Amino acid sequence: MSRFVIHKHTKEGQIHWDLMIEEPDYLKTWQLENPPEKLSGQKNKAVPIFDHDKKFLTYQGPVNNGKGSVEIVDEGVCKIESKTENDIIVTFQGKVLKGKFGFIIQQND
């Protein structure tokens, strides 16, 4: 099992959510369009973004030189059930996400 966190990321009046799953040396990160309570069991869009430092498992506060902020909206442990270039299936045991969820990996346009 790996630890995970979902941040509500507010920057310049816009909001998105960052899903971060712990790897040995970093957090693999995807940007989500919806908060965890609005994710369906499958077919959630996830856009890969840069890997984050493991400090973000617990960090909340200002980011981007004070131009944005992050707030933890879910956390817990998870298991990656399958992963391809185009999708990832993850079982979560979080405060909000519980059970198996599918994500379609889409590159940022």
PDB file of N, CA and C in Angstrom:
ATOM      1  N   MET A   1       0.844  -1.189   0.000  1.00  0.00           N
ATOM      2  CA  MET A   1       0.000   0.000   0.000  1.00  0.00           C
ATOM      3  C   MET A   1       0.888   1.251   0.000  1.00  0.00           C
ATOM      4  N   SER A   2       0.411   2.253  -0.676  1.00  0.00           N
ATOM      5  CA  SER A   2       1.089   3.546  -0.736  1.00  0.00           C
ATOM      6  C   SER A   2       0.200   4.596  -0.108  1.00  0.00           C
ATOM      7  N   ARG A   3       0.801   5.637   0.413  1.00  0.00           N
ATOM      8  CA  ARG A   3       0.014   6.756   0.908  1.00  0.00           C
ATOM      9  C   ARG A   3      -0.412   7.626  -0.269  1.00  0.00           C
ATOM     10  N   PHE A   4      -1.538   8.307  -0.107  1.00  0.00           N
ATOM     11  CA  PHE A   4      -1.979   9.261  -1.117  1.00  0.00           C
ATOM     12  C   PHE A   4      -2.568  10.482  -0.432  1.00  0.00           C
ATOM     13  N   VAL A   5      -2.657  11.549  -1.210  1.00  0.00           N
ATOM     14  CA  VAL A   5      -3.286  12.778  -0.747  1.00  0.00           C
ATOM     15  C   VAL A   5      -3.941  13.438  -1.958  1.00  0.00           C
ATOM     16  N   ILE A   6      -5.042  14.132  -1.720  1.00  0.00           N
ATOM     17  CA  ILE A   6      -5.646  14.983  -2.745  1.00  0.00           C
ATOM     18  C   ILE A   6      -5.688  16.394  -2.187  1.00  0.00           C
ATOM     19  N   HIS A   7      -5.086  17.313  -2.945  1.00  0.00           N
ATOM     20  CA  HIS A   7      -5.090  18.725  -2.581  1.00  0.00           C
ATOM     21  C   HIS A   7      -6.103  19.482  -3.418  1.00  0.00           C
ATOM     22  N   LYS A   8      -6.828  20.368  -2.790  1.00  0.00           N
ATOM     23  CA  LYS A   8      -7.581  21.394  -3.508  1.00  0.00           C
ATOM     24  C   LYS A   8      -6.574  22.507  -3.765  1.00  0.00           C
ATOM     25  N   HIS A   9      -6.315  22.782  -5.030  1.00  0.00           N
ATOM     26  CA  HIS A   9      -5.285  23.750  -5.413  1.00  0.00           C
ATOM     27  C   HIS A   9      -5.972  24.982  -6.008  1.00  0.00           C
ATOM     28  N   THR A  10      -5.852  26.088  -5.315  1.00  0.00           N
ATOM     29  CA  THR A  10      -6.435  27.348  -5.755  1.00  0.00           C
ATOM     30  C   THR A  10      -5.300  28.251  -6.230  1.00  0.00           C
ATOM     31  N   LYS A  11      -5.435  28.758  -7.467  1.00  0.00           N
ATOM     32  CA  LYS A  11      -4.407  29.637  -8.011  1.00  0.00           C
ATOM     33  C   LYS A  11      -5.069  30.644  -8.934  1.00  0.00           C
ATOM     34  N   GLU A  12      -4.871  31.923  -8.617  1.00  0.00           N
ATOM     35  CA  GLU A  12      -5.381  33.017  -9.435  1.00  0.00           C
ATOM     36  C   GLU A  12      -6.863  32.849  -9.750  1.00  0.00           C
ATOM     37  N   GLY A  13      -7.646  32.505  -8.731  1.00  0.00           N
ATOM     38  CA  GLY A  13      -9.085  32.388  -8.872  1.00  0.00           C
ATOM     39  C   GLY A  13      -9.577  31.092  -9.500  1.00  0.00           C
ATOM     40  N   GLN A  14      -8.679  30.225  -9.905  1.00  0.00           N
ATOM     41  CA  GLN A  14      -9.064  28.939 -10.485  1.00  0.00           C
ATOM     42  C   GLN A  14      -8.805  27.827  -9.481  1.00  0.00           C
ATOM     43  N   ILE A  15      -9.607  26.752  -9.575  1.00  0.00           N
ATOM     44  CA  ILE A  15      -9.480  25.621  -8.656  1.00  0.00           C
ATOM     45  C   ILE A  15      -9.361  24.334  -9.458  1.00  0.00           C
ATOM     46  N   HIS A  16      -8.427  23.485  -9.036  1.00  0.00           N
ATOM     47  CA  HIS A  16      -8.370  22.113  -9.515  1.00  0.00           C
ATOM     48  C   HIS A  16      -7.902  21.253  -8.340  1.00  0.00           C
ATOM     49  N   TRP A  17      -7.855  19.961  -8.551  1.00  0.00           N
ATOM     50  CA  TRP A  17      -7.464  19.036  -7.497  1.00  0.00           C
ATOM     51  C   TRP A  17      -6.272  18.231  -7.973  1.00  0.00           C
ATOM     52  N   ASP A  18      -5.293  18.029  -7.075  1.00  0.00           N
ATOM     53  CA  ASP A  18      -4.101  17.256  -7.393  1.00  0.00           C
ATOM     54  C   ASP A  18      -4.120  15.951  -6.614  1.00  0.00           C
ATOM     55  N   LEU A  19      -4.120  14.840  -7.348  1.00  0.00           N
ATOM     56  CA  LEU A  19      -3.997  13.511  -6.746  1.00  0.00           C
ATOM     57  C   LEU A  19      -2.527  13.158  -6.724  1.00  0.00           C
ATOM     58  N   MET A  20      -2.003  12.826  -5.541  1.00  0.00           N
ATOM     59  CA  MET A  20      -0.595  12.478  -5.374  1.00  0.00           C
ATOM     60  C   MET A  20      -0.501  11.108  -4.728  1.00  0.00           C
ATOM     61  N   ILE A  21       0.226  10.203  -5.388  1.00  0.00           N
ATOM     62  CA  ILE A  21       0.423   8.851  -4.868  1.00  0.00           C
ATOM     63  C   ILE A  21       1.908   8.653  -4.602  1.00  0.00           C
ATOM     64  N   GLU A  22       2.212   8.136  -3.418  1.00  0.00           N
ATOM     65  CA  GLU A  22       3.592   7.994  -2.970  1.00  0.00           C
ATOM     66  C   GLU A  22       4.345   6.920  -3.748  1.00  0.00           C
ATOM     67  N   GLU A  23       5.498   7.305  -4.263  1.00  0.00           N
ATOM     68  CA  GLU A  23       6.505   6.418  -4.834  1.00  0.00           C
ATOM     69  C   GLU A  23       7.670   6.444  -3.839  1.00  0.00           C
ATOM     70  N   PRO A  24       8.693   5.607  -4.050  1.00  0.00           N
ATOM     71  CA  PRO A  24       9.775   5.608  -3.055  1.00  0.00           C
ATOM     72  C   PRO A  24      10.420   6.972  -2.799  1.00  0.00           C
ATOM     73  N   ASP A  25      10.634   7.782  -3.842  1.00  0.00           N
ATOM     74  CA  ASP A  25      11.368   9.037  -3.662  1.00  0.00           C
ATOM     75  C   ASP A  25      10.568  10.300  -3.958  1.00  0.00           C
ATOM     76  N   TYR A  26       9.311  10.168  -4.364  1.00  0.00           N
ATOM     77  CA  TYR A  26       8.534  11.334  -4.773  1.00  0.00           C
ATOM     78  C   TYR A  26       7.046  10.988  -4.758  1.00  0.00           C
ATOM     79  N   LEU A  27       6.222  11.977  -5.094  1.00  0.00           N
ATOM     80  CA  LEU A  27       4.780  11.769  -5.237  1.00  0.00           C
ATOM     81  C   LEU A  27       4.418  11.883  -6.716  1.00  0.00           C
ATOM     82  N   LYS A  28       3.931  10.801  -7.308  1.00  0.00           N
ATOM     83  CA  LYS A  28       3.424  10.825  -8.676  1.00  0.00           C
ATOM     84  C   LYS A  28       2.137  11.626  -8.642  1.00  0.00           C
ATOM     85  N   THR A  29       1.987  12.608  -9.541  1.00  0.00           N
ATOM     86  CA  THR A  29       0.903  13.577  -9.410  1.00  0.00           C
ATOM     87  C   THR A  29       0.108  13.724 -10.703  1.00  0.00           C
ATOM     88  N   TRP A  30      -1.211  13.793 -10.528  1.00  0.00           N
ATOM     89  CA  TRP A  30      -2.141  14.032 -11.630  1.00  0.00           C
ATOM     90  C   TRP A  30      -3.085  15.153 -11.228  1.00  0.00           C
ATOM     91  N   GLN A  31      -3.435  15.998 -12.175  1.00  0.00           N
ATOM     92  CA  GLN A  31      -4.435  17.042 -11.953  1.00  0.00           C
ATOM     93  C   GLN A  31      -5.807  16.482 -12.297  1.00  0.00           C
ATOM     94  N   LEU A  32      -6.763  16.707 -11.404  1.00  0.00           N
ATOM     95  CA  LEU A  32      -8.138  16.249 -11.584  1.00  0.00           C
ATOM     96  C   LEU A  32      -9.056  17.443 -11.765  1.00  0.00           C
ATOM     97  N   GLU A  33     -10.153  17.237 -12.481  1.00  0.00           N
ATOM     98  CA  GLU A  33     -11.131  18.308 -12.692  1.00  0.00           C
ATOM     99  C   GLU A  33     -12.123  18.421 -11.545  1.00  0.00           C
ATOM    100  N   ASN A  34     -12.336  17.307 -10.830  1.00  0.00           N
ATOM    101  CA  ASN A  34     -13.376  17.255  -9.810  1.00  0.00           C
ATOM    102  C   ASN A  34     -12.817  16.919  -8.438  1.00  0.00           C
ATOM    103  N   PRO A  35     -13.498  17.372  -7.383  1.00  0.00           N
ATOM    104  CA  PRO A  35     -13.092  17.007  -6.022  1.00  0.00           C
ATOM    105  C   PRO A  35     -13.375  15.527  -5.779  1.00  0.00           C
ATOM    106  N   PRO A  36     -12.762  14.946  -4.759  1.00  0.00           N
ATOM    107  CA  PRO A  36     -12.924  13.503  -4.532  1.00  0.00           C
ATOM    108  C   PRO A  36     -14.377  13.065  -4.352  1.00  0.00           C
ATOM    109  N   GLU A  37     -15.194  13.882  -3.727  1.00  0.00           N
ATOM    110  CA  GLU A  37     -16.586  13.469  -3.500  1.00  0.00           C
ATOM    111  C   GLU A  37     -17.402  13.422  -4.791  1.00  0.00           C
ATOM    112  N   LYS A  38     -16.887  13.983  -5.880  1.00  0.00           N
ATOM    113  CA  LYS A  38     -17.611  13.962  -7.156  1.00  0.00           C
ATOM    114  C   LYS A  38     -16.994  12.992  -8.169  1.00  0.00           C
ATOM    115  N   LEU A  39     -15.999  12.216  -7.761  1.00  0.00           N
ATOM    116  CA  LEU A  39     -15.402  11.241  -8.669  1.00  0.00           C
ATOM    117  C   LEU A  39     -16.302  10.020  -8.769  1.00  0.00           C
ATOM    118  N   SER A  40     -16.419   9.492  -9.976  1.00  0.00           N
ATOM    119  CA  SER A  40     -17.194   8.272 -10.170  1.00  0.00           C
ATOM    120  C   SER A  40     -16.244   7.077 -10.085  1.00  0.00           C
ATOM    121  N   GLY A  41     -16.786   5.888 -10.087  1.00  0.00           N
ATOM    122  CA  GLY A  41     -15.959   4.689  -9.997  1.00  0.00           C
ATOM    123  C   GLY A  41     -14.978   4.531 -11.141  1.00  0.00           C
ATOM    124  N   GLN A  42     -15.336   5.021 -12.353  1.00  0.00           N
ATOM    125  CA  GLN A  42     -14.442   4.898 -13.492  1.00  0.00           C
ATOM    126  C   GLN A  42     -14.533   6.119 -14.387  1.00  0.00           C
ATOM    127  N   LYS A  43     -13.627   6.188 -15.321  1.00  0.00           N
ATOM    128  CA  LYS A  43     -13.621   7.222 -16.366  1.00  0.00           C
ATOM    129  C   LYS A  43     -13.449   8.642 -15.841  1.00  0.00           C
ATOM    130  N   ASN A  44     -12.614   8.815 -14.848  1.00  0.00           N
ATOM    131  CA  ASN A  44     -12.267  10.146 -14.374  1.00  0.00           C
ATOM    132  C   ASN A  44     -11.035  10.617 -15.135  1.00  0.00           C
ATOM    133  N   LYS A  45     -11.061  11.839 -15.624  1.00  0.00           N
ATOM    134  CA  LYS A  45      -9.921  12.391 -16.353  1.00  0.00           C
ATOM    135  C   LYS A  45      -8.816  12.752 -15.365  1.00  0.00           C
ATOM    136  N   ALA A  46      -7.587  12.348 -15.695  1.00  0.00           N
ATOM    137  CA  ALA A  46      -6.421  12.688 -14.886  1.00  0.00           C
ATOM    138  C   ALA A  46      -5.304  13.138 -15.820  1.00  0.00           C
ATOM    139  N   VAL A  47      -4.777  14.327 -15.590  1.00  0.00           N
ATOM    140  CA  VAL A  47      -3.711  14.881 -16.421  1.00  0.00           C
ATOM    141  C   VAL A  47      -2.407  14.811 -15.634  1.00  0.00           C
ATOM    142  N   PRO A  48      -1.414  14.062 -16.138  1.00  0.00           N
ATOM    143  CA  PRO A  48      -0.145  13.988 -15.422  1.00  0.00           C
ATOM    144  C   PRO A  48       0.528  15.354 -15.353  1.00  0.00           C
ATOM    145  N   ILE A  49       1.016  15.696 -14.163  1.00  0.00           N
ATOM    146  CA  ILE A  49       1.816  16.911 -14.000  1.00  0.00           C
ATOM    147  C   ILE A  49       3.119  16.508 -13.320  1.00  0.00           C
ATOM    148  N   PHE A  50       3.973  17.454 -13.021  1.00  0.00           N
ATOM    149  CA  PHE A  50       5.287  17.134 -12.469  1.00  0.00           C
ATOM    150  C   PHE A  50       5.177  16.432 -11.120  1.00  0.00           C
ATOM    151  N   ASP A  51       6.155  15.566 -10.854  1.00  0.00           N
ATOM    152  CA  ASP A  51       6.210  14.869  -9.573  1.00  0.00           C
ATOM    153  C   ASP A  51       6.463  15.883  -8.461  1.00  0.00           C
ATOM    154  N   HIS A  52       5.895  15.602  -7.297  1.00  0.00           N
ATOM    155  CA  HIS A  52       6.026  16.500  -6.159  1.00  0.00           C
ATOM    156  C   HIS A  52       6.878  15.862  -5.060  1.00  0.00           C
ATOM    157  N   ASP A  53       7.438  16.719  -4.238  1.00  0.00           N
ATOM    158  CA  ASP A  53       8.208  16.299  -3.074  1.00  0.00           C
ATOM    159  C   ASP A  53       7.266  15.636  -2.065  1.00  0.00           C
ATOM    160  N   LYS A  54       7.786  14.666  -1.335  1.00  0.00           N
ATOM    161  CA  LYS A  54       6.948  13.923  -0.375  1.00  0.00           C
ATOM    162  C   LYS A  54       6.419  14.789   0.764  1.00  0.00           C
ATOM    163  N   LYS A  55       6.966  15.973   0.951  1.00  0.00           N
ATOM    164  CA  LYS A  55       6.450  16.869   2.002  1.00  0.00           C
ATOM    165  C   LYS A  55       4.983  17.233   1.757  1.00  0.00           C
ATOM    166  N   PHE A  56       4.536  17.122   0.491  1.00  0.00           N
ATOM    167  CA  PHE A  56       3.156  17.482   0.177  1.00  0.00           C
ATOM    168  C   PHE A  56       2.143  16.459   0.691  1.00  0.00           C
ATOM    169  N   LEU A  57       2.603  15.336   1.246  1.00  0.00           N
ATOM    170  CA  LEU A  57       1.674  14.402   1.894  1.00  0.00           C
ATOM    171  C   LEU A  57       0.978  15.053   3.079  1.00  0.00           C
ATOM    172  N   THR A  58       1.639  16.031   3.694  1.00  0.00           N
ATOM    173  CA  THR A  58       1.065  16.676   4.877  1.00  0.00           C
ATOM    174  C   THR A  58       0.984  18.196   4.761  1.00  0.00           C
ATOM    175  N   TYR A  59       1.552  18.770   3.707  1.00  0.00           N
ATOM    176  CA  TYR A  59       1.619  20.234   3.588  1.00  0.00           C
ATOM    177  C   TYR A  59       0.283  20.834   3.153  1.00  0.00           C
ATOM    178  N   GLN A  60      -0.076  21.940   3.808  1.00  0.00           N
ATOM    179  CA  GLN A  60      -1.184  22.798   3.402  1.00  0.00           C
ATOM    180  C   GLN A  60      -0.692  24.230   3.565  1.00  0.00           C
ATOM    181  N   GLY A  61      -1.060  25.075   2.605  1.00  0.00           N
ATOM    182  CA  GLY A  61      -0.645  26.463   2.722  1.00  0.00           C
ATOM    183  C   GLY A  61      -0.306  27.069   1.383  1.00  0.00           C
ATOM    184  N   PRO A  62       0.438  28.192   1.415  1.00  0.00           N
ATOM    185  CA  PRO A  62       0.750  28.905   0.179  1.00  0.00           C
ATOM    186  C   PRO A  62       1.712  28.120  -0.715  1.00  0.00           C
ATOM    187  N   VAL A  63       1.515  28.266  -2.038  1.00  0.00           N
ATOM    188  CA  VAL A  63       2.403  27.676  -3.058  1.00  0.00           C
ATOM    189  C   VAL A  63       2.581  28.695  -4.178  1.00  0.00           C
ATOM    190  N   ASN A  64       3.442  28.382  -5.115  1.00  0.00           N
ATOM    191  CA  ASN A  64       3.676  29.247  -6.279  1.00  0.00           C
ATOM    192  C   ASN A  64       4.042  30.668  -5.861  1.00  0.00           C
ATOM    193  N   ASN A  65       5.001  30.772  -4.927  1.00  0.00           N
ATOM    194  CA  ASN A  65       5.451  32.081  -4.434  1.00  0.00           C
ATOM    195  C   ASN A  65       4.300  32.951  -3.950  1.00  0.00           C
ATOM    196  N   GLY A  66       3.350  32.315  -3.266  1.00  0.00           N
ATOM    197  CA  GLY A  66       2.224  33.032  -2.692  1.00  0.00           C
ATOM    198  C   GLY A  66       1.093  33.319  -3.665  1.00  0.00           C
ATOM    199  N   LYS A  67       1.208  32.843  -4.912  1.00  0.00           N
ATOM    200  CA  LYS A  67       0.158  33.090  -5.912  1.00  0.00           C
ATOM    201  C   LYS A  67      -0.962  32.061  -5.844  1.00  0.00           C
ATOM    202  N   GLY A  68      -0.813  31.047  -4.992  1.00  0.00           N
ATOM    203  CA  GLY A  68      -1.829  30.017  -4.852  1.00  0.00           C
ATOM    204  C   GLY A  68      -1.737  29.380  -3.483  1.00  0.00           C
ATOM    205  N   SER A  69      -2.643  28.421  -3.245  1.00  0.00           N
ATOM    206  CA  SER A  69      -2.603  27.694  -1.983  1.00  0.00           C
ATOM    207  C   SER A  69      -3.148  26.285  -2.191  1.00  0.00           C
ATOM    208  N   VAL A  70      -2.747  25.393  -1.292  1.00  0.00           N
ATOM    209  CA  VAL A  70      -3.249  24.023  -1.323  1.00  0.00           C
ATOM    210  C   VAL A  70      -3.834  23.666   0.033  1.00  0.00           C
ATOM    211  N   GLU A  71      -4.881  22.835  -0.037  1.00  0.00           N
ATOM    212  CA  GLU A  71      -5.571  22.354   1.159  1.00  0.00           C
ATOM    213  C   GLU A  71      -5.830  20.862   0.967  1.00  0.00           C
ATOM    214  N   ILE A  72      -5.508  20.052   1.961  1.00  0.00           N
ATOM    215  CA  ILE A  72      -5.758  18.613   1.879  1.00  0.00           C
ATOM    216  C   ILE A  72      -7.258  18.361   2.011  1.00  0.00           C
ATOM    217  N   VAL A  73      -7.838  17.663   1.013  1.00  0.00           N
ATOM    218  CA  VAL A  73      -9.263  17.351   1.054  1.00  0.00           C
ATOM    219  C   VAL A  73      -9.516  15.843   1.175  1.00  0.00           C
ATOM    220  N   ASP A  74      -8.474  15.037   0.972  1.00  0.00           N
ATOM    221  CA  ASP A  74      -8.569  13.594   1.216  1.00  0.00           C
ATOM    222  C   ASP A  74      -7.160  13.057   1.382  1.00  0.00           C
ATOM    223  N   GLU A  75      -7.052  11.983   2.157  1.00  0.00           N
ATOM    224  CA  GLU A  75      -5.765  11.324   2.378  1.00  0.00           C
ATOM    225  C   GLU A  75      -6.021   9.935   2.907  1.00  0.00           C
ATOM    226  N   GLY A  76      -5.022   9.083   2.765  1.00  0.00           N
ATOM    227  CA  GLY A  76      -5.139   7.713   3.233  1.00  0.00           C
ATOM    228  C   GLY A  76      -4.111   6.840   2.543  1.00  0.00           C
ATOM    229  N   VAL A  77      -4.493   5.588   2.295  1.00  0.00           N
ATOM    230  CA  VAL A  77      -3.609   4.657   1.600  1.00  0.00           C
ATOM    231  C   VAL A  77      -4.330   4.141   0.362  1.00  0.00           C
ATOM    232  N   CYS A  78      -3.542   3.650  -0.582  1.00  0.00           N
ATOM    233  CA  CYS A  78      -4.124   3.142  -1.819  1.00  0.00           C
ATOM    234  C   CYS A  78      -3.232   2.050  -2.396  1.00  0.00           C
ATOM    235  N   LYS A  79      -3.814   1.327  -3.344  1.00  0.00           N
ATOM    236  CA  LYS A  79      -3.072   0.294  -4.064  1.00  0.00           C
ATOM    237  C   LYS A  79      -3.371   0.467  -5.546  1.00  0.00           C
ATOM    238  N   ILE A  80      -2.327   0.589  -6.362  1.00  0.00           N
ATOM    239  CA  ILE A  80      -2.506   0.662  -7.800  1.00  0.00           C
ATOM    240  C   ILE A  80      -2.770  -0.751  -8.295  1.00  0.00           C
ATOM    241  N   GLU A  81      -3.965  -0.971  -8.818  1.00  0.00           N
ATOM    242  CA  GLU A  81      -4.375  -2.305  -9.291  1.00  0.00           C
ATOM    243  C   GLU A  81      -3.842  -2.581 -10.684  1.00  0.00           C
ATOM    244  N   SER A  82      -3.871  -1.557 -11.552  1.00  0.00           N
ATOM    245  CA  SER A  82      -3.302  -1.688 -12.898  1.00  0.00           C
ATOM    246  C   SER A  82      -2.973  -0.303 -13.418  1.00  0.00           C
ATOM    247  N   LYS A  83      -1.981  -0.267 -14.301  1.00  0.00           N
ATOM    248  CA  LYS A  83      -1.540   1.016 -14.834  1.00  0.00           C
ATOM    249  C   LYS A  83      -1.016   0.796 -16.242  1.00  0.00           C
ATOM    250  N   THR A  84      -1.541   1.569 -17.192  1.00  0.00           N
ATOM    251  CA  THR A  84      -1.024   1.567 -18.555  1.00  0.00           C
ATOM    252  C   THR A  84      -0.727   3.017 -18.919  1.00  0.00           C
ATOM    253  N   GLU A  85      -0.331   3.215 -20.157  1.00  0.00           N
ATOM    254  CA  GLU A  85      -0.085   4.568 -20.626  1.00  0.00           C
ATOM    255  C   GLU A  85      -1.370   5.389 -20.654  1.00  0.00           C
ATOM    256  N   ASN A  86      -2.515   4.702 -20.818  1.00  0.00           N
ATOM    257  CA  ASN A  86      -3.790   5.395 -21.010  1.00  0.00           C
ATOM    258  C   ASN A  86      -4.720   5.393 -19.815  1.00  0.00           C
ATOM    259  N   ASP A  87      -4.485   4.526 -18.842  1.00  0.00           N
ATOM    260  CA  ASP A  87      -5.383   4.517 -17.687  1.00  0.00           C
ATOM    261  C   ASP A  87      -4.708   3.921 -16.460  1.00  0.00           C
ATOM    262  N   ILE A  88      -5.349   4.179 -15.335  1.00  0.00           N
ATOM    263  CA  ILE A  88      -4.861   3.659 -14.058  1.00  0.00           C
ATOM    264  C   ILE A  88      -6.087   3.314 -13.210  1.00  0.00           C
ATOM    265  N   ILE A  89      -6.027   2.153 -12.559  1.00  0.00           N
ATOM    266  CA  ILE A  89      -7.088   1.718 -11.647  1.00  0.00           C
ATOM    267  C   ILE A  89      -6.472   1.665 -10.250  1.00  0.00           C
ATOM    268  N   VAL A  90      -7.115   2.348  -9.306  1.00  0.00           N
ATOM    269  CA  VAL A  90      -6.575   2.451  -7.951  1.00  0.00           C
ATOM    270  C   VAL A  90      -7.668   2.131  -6.944  1.00  0.00           C
ATOM    271  N   THR A  91      -7.322   1.341  -5.925  1.00  0.00           N
ATOM    272  CA  THR A  91      -8.215   1.114  -4.798  1.00  0.00           C
ATOM    273  C   THR A  91      -7.762   2.019  -3.660  1.00  0.00           C
ATOM    274  N   PHE A  92      -8.690   2.869  -3.199  1.00  0.00           N
ATOM    275  CA  PHE A  92      -8.388   3.842  -2.150  1.00  0.00           C
ATOM    276  C   PHE A  92      -9.028   3.437  -0.829  1.00  0.00           C
ATOM    277  N   GLN A  93      -8.316   3.727   0.244  1.00  0.00           N
ATOM    278  CA  GLN A  93      -8.857   3.681   1.596  1.00  0.00           C
ATOM    279  C   GLN A  93      -8.566   5.044   2.212  1.00  0.00           C
ATOM    280  N   GLY A  94      -9.414   5.994   1.848  1.00  0.00           N
ATOM    281  CA  GLY A  94      -9.222   7.362   2.303  1.00  0.00           C
ATOM    282  C   GLY A  94     -10.385   7.812   3.163  1.00  0.00           C
ATOM    283  N   LYS A  95     -10.360   9.078   3.516  1.00  0.00           N
ATOM    284  CA  LYS A  95     -11.456   9.654   4.291  1.00  0.00           C
ATOM    285  C   LYS A  95     -12.679   9.864   3.406  1.00  0.00           C
ATOM    286  N   VAL A  96     -12.452  10.193   2.124  1.00  0.00           N
ATOM    287  CA  VAL A  96     -13.537  10.410   1.171  1.00  0.00           C
ATOM    288  C   VAL A  96     -13.586   9.268   0.158  1.00  0.00           C
ATOM    289  N   LEU A  97     -12.464   9.031  -0.523  1.00  0.00           N
ATOM    290  CA  LEU A  97     -12.416   7.961  -1.526  1.00  0.00           C
ATOM    291  C   LEU A  97     -12.280   6.611  -0.847  1.00  0.00           C
ATOM    292  N   LYS A  98     -13.234   5.743  -1.136  1.00  0.00           N
ATOM    293  CA  LYS A  98     -13.220   4.384  -0.599  1.00  0.00           C
ATOM    294  C   LYS A  98     -13.612   3.455  -1.733  1.00  0.00           C
ATOM    295  N   GLY A  99     -12.734   2.504  -2.048  1.00  0.00           N
ATOM    296  CA  GLY A  99     -13.035   1.569  -3.115  1.00  0.00           C
ATOM    297  C   GLY A  99     -12.190   1.812  -4.353  1.00  0.00           C
ATOM    298  N   LYS A 100     -12.630   1.195  -5.460  1.00  0.00           N
ATOM    299  CA  LYS A 100     -11.872   1.186  -6.705  1.00  0.00           C
ATOM    300  C   LYS A 100     -12.325   2.317  -7.626  1.00  0.00           C
ATOM    301  N   PHE A 101     -11.344   3.047  -8.170  1.00  0.00           N
ATOM    302  CA  PHE A 101     -11.603   4.166  -9.066  1.00  0.00           C
ATOM    303  C   PHE A 101     -10.709   4.050 -10.291  1.00  0.00           C
ATOM    304  N   GLY A 102     -11.268   4.394 -11.442  1.00  0.00           N
ATOM    305  CA  GLY A 102     -10.525   4.378 -12.691  1.00  0.00           C
ATOM    306  C   GLY A 102     -10.268   5.787 -13.191  1.00  0.00           C
ATOM    307  N   PHE A 103      -9.098   5.993 -13.763  1.00  0.00           N
ATOM    308  CA  PHE A 103      -8.703   7.289 -14.300  1.00  0.00           C
ATOM    309  C   PHE A 103      -8.199   7.117 -15.717  1.00  0.00           C
ATOM    310  N   ILE A 104      -8.683   7.963 -16.607  1.00  0.00           N
ATOM    311  CA  ILE A 104      -8.194   8.010 -17.985  1.00  0.00           C
ATOM    312  C   ILE A 104      -7.094   9.053 -18.021  1.00  0.00           C
ATOM    313  N   ILE A 105      -5.905   8.623 -18.412  1.00  0.00           N
ATOM    314  CA  ILE A 105      -4.757   9.535 -18.443  1.00  0.00           C
ATOM    315  C   ILE A 105      -4.811  10.341 -19.741  1.00  0.00           C
ATOM    316  N   GLN A 106      -4.874  11.651 -19.589  1.00  0.00           N
ATOM    317  CA  GLN A 106      -4.900  12.542 -20.751  1.00  0.00           C
ATOM    318  C   GLN A 106      -3.779  13.563 -20.613  1.00  0.00           C
ATOM    319  N   GLN A 107      -3.032  13.726 -21.668  1.00  0.00           N
ATOM    320  CA  GLN A 107      -1.974  14.733 -21.661  1.00  0.00           C
ATOM    321  C   GLN A 107      -2.614  16.106 -21.731  1.00  0.00           C
ATOM    322  N   ASN A 108      -1.993  17.069 -21.076  1.00  0.00           N
ATOM    323  CA  ASN A 108      -2.480  18.443 -21.083  1.00  0.00           C
ATOM    324  C   ASN A 108      -2.316  19.021 -22.486  1.00  0.00           C
ATOM    325  N   ASP A 109      -3.375  19.617 -23.005  1.00  0.00           N
ATOM    326  CA  ASP A 109      -3.327  20.156 -24.377  1.00  0.00           C
ATOM    327  C   ASP A 109      -2.479  21.394 -24.467  1.00  0.00           C
TER     328      ASP A 109
END
